[in-house]
Amino acid sequence: MNKKTYQIDFKYAEIDNAPSFNAAVHRVVDAVVADFKREMPEQLEPEFSAGYLNGVYSAAMIENGIISVLLEWGEYQPGAAHPGRSWRARIMTAGLAACSPYPISSAPVSIT
């Protein structure tokens, strides 16, 4: 029986009626997920724990309709002594004042 080699739990923001913002978020998240999957082994050594990629976001309205979203994520590679790399990416958009209250929703990627 093959043990799962990785798990992904990445939550990211999407804004209703803001396709360019959502596309910017996807450019970051999709690339991170694809790179992580590419680095995972097809099978685990019996003594290794499965790898993981976990991501979260925080959002804030700055002023004049500018919204800032900070994506933060970290990963663990099977066989590593400790969880490894972690990163941040900030995505900002303007001109959403007409959308008040700002309809930011969470769009999780959960792959096991």
Protein backbone atom coordinates (compact mmCIF):
# COMPACT_ATOMS: atom_id res chain seq x y z
CA MET A 1 0.00 0.00 0.00
CA ASN A 2 1.42 3.35 -1.03
CA LYS A 3 1.53 6.06 1.59
CA LYS A 4 0.46 9.57 0.47
CA THR A 5 3.56 11.58 -0.29
CA TYR A 6 2.12 15.05 0.33
CA GLN A 7 -0.83 17.17 1.43
CA ILE A 8 -1.78 20.68 0.32
CA ASP A 9 -3.93 23.12 2.30
CA PHE A 10 -3.64 26.60 0.76
CA LYS A 11 -6.28 29.24 1.43
CA TYR A 12 -6.20 32.35 -0.73
CA ALA A 13 -8.35 35.41 -1.34
CA GLU A 14 -10.68 36.07 -4.23
CA ILE A 15 -12.65 39.27 -4.75
CA ASP A 16 -16.02 39.28 -6.49
CA ASN A 17 -15.97 41.22 -9.79
CA ALA A 18 -12.18 41.72 -9.69
CA PRO A 19 -10.82 39.37 -12.38
CA SER A 20 -7.42 41.04 -12.68
CA PHE A 21 -6.84 40.80 -8.92
CA ASN A 22 -7.97 37.17 -8.85
CA ALA A 23 -5.69 36.39 -11.82
CA ALA A 24 -2.74 37.93 -9.94
CA VAL A 25 -3.49 35.74 -6.92
CA HIS A 26 -3.73 32.65 -9.11
CA ARG A 27 -0.41 33.41 -10.81
CA VAL A 28 1.26 33.19 -7.39
CA VAL A 29 -0.73 30.31 -5.87
CA ASP A 30 -0.85 28.12 -8.98
CA ALA A 31 2.92 28.43 -9.46
CA VAL A 32 3.63 27.62 -5.80
CA VAL A 33 1.38 24.53 -5.90
CA ALA A 34 2.84 23.32 -9.21
CA ASP A 35 6.44 23.73 -7.98
CA PHE A 36 5.65 21.94 -4.73
CA LYS A 37 4.02 18.99 -6.51
CA ARG A 38 6.94 18.72 -8.91
CA GLU A 39 9.37 18.44 -5.98
CA MET A 40 7.46 15.68 -4.19
CA PRO A 41 8.61 12.07 -4.50
CA GLU A 42 6.34 9.48 -6.07
CA GLN A 43 6.87 7.16 -3.10
CA LEU A 44 7.89 7.70 0.50
CA GLU A 45 10.61 5.88 2.32
CA PRO A 46 9.03 4.02 5.27
CA GLU A 47 10.71 6.27 7.85
CA PHE A 48 9.67 9.56 6.19
CA SER A 49 6.62 11.67 6.94
CA ALA A 50 4.54 13.04 4.07
CA GLY A 51 5.37 16.49 2.77
CA TYR A 52 2.99 19.40 3.10
CA LEU A 53 2.28 22.83 1.72
CA ASN A 54 0.19 25.13 3.94
CA GLY A 55 -0.86 28.62 2.95
CA VAL A 56 -2.96 31.38 4.47
CA TYR A 57 -3.76 34.98 3.66
CA SER A 58 -4.68 38.20 5.40
CA ALA A 59 -6.48 41.10 3.75
CA ALA A 60 -6.79 44.77 4.61
CA MET A 61 -8.34 47.83 3.06
CA ILE A 62 -5.68 50.52 3.06
CA GLU A 63 -7.48 53.64 1.77
CA ASN A 64 -9.18 54.98 -1.34
CA GLY A 65 -10.38 51.50 -2.28
CA ILE A 66 -6.93 49.89 -2.18
CA ILE A 67 -6.98 46.33 -0.91
CA SER A 68 -3.81 44.57 0.19
CA VAL A 69 -3.63 40.80 0.49
CA LEU A 70 -0.64 39.06 2.01
CA LEU A 71 -0.17 35.40 1.08
CA GLU A 72 2.05 33.37 3.39
CA TRP A 73 3.03 29.75 2.93
CA GLY A 74 5.45 27.14 4.15
CA GLU A 75 6.33 23.64 3.17
CA TYR A 76 7.91 20.46 4.39
CA GLN A 77 9.83 18.08 2.13
CA PRO A 78 9.80 14.37 3.02
CA GLY A 79 13.08 13.37 4.64
CA ALA A 80 13.94 16.85 5.90
CA ALA A 81 14.86 17.20 9.56
CA HIS A 82 12.61 20.25 10.02
CA PRO A 83 9.93 22.14 8.11
CA GLY A 84 11.70 24.30 5.62
CA ARG A 85 11.11 27.20 3.43
CA SER A 86 8.44 29.80 3.97
CA TRP A 87 7.50 32.72 1.78
CA ARG A 88 5.31 35.78 1.47
CA ALA A 89 3.74 37.59 -1.47
CA ARG A 90 1.75 40.83 -1.32
CA ILE A 91 -0.91 41.57 -3.92
CA MET A 92 -2.63 44.94 -4.05
CA THR A 93 -5.52 46.25 -6.09
CA ALA A 94 -7.15 49.64 -6.40
CA GLY A 95 -10.45 51.00 -7.59
CA LEU A 96 -12.78 48.71 -5.68
CA ALA A 97 -14.49 51.45 -3.66
CA ALA A 98 -17.76 50.75 -5.47
CA CYS A 99 -17.72 47.20 -4.09
CA SER A 100 -18.16 48.21 -0.45
CA PRO A 101 -18.31 46.18 1.68
CA TYR A 102 -15.39 44.43 0.02
CA PRO A 103 -16.50 40.92 -0.88
CA ILE A 104 -13.29 39.04 -0.19
CA SER A 105 -13.83 35.33 0.09
CA SER A 106 -11.56 32.44 0.93
CA ALA A 107 -10.86 29.97 -1.85
CA PRO A 108 -9.09 26.94 -0.41
CA VAL A 109 -6.97 24.49 -2.34
CA SER A 110 -7.03 21.20 -0.48
CA ILE A 111 -5.34 18.28 -2.15
CA THR A 112 -4.41 15.11 -0.36
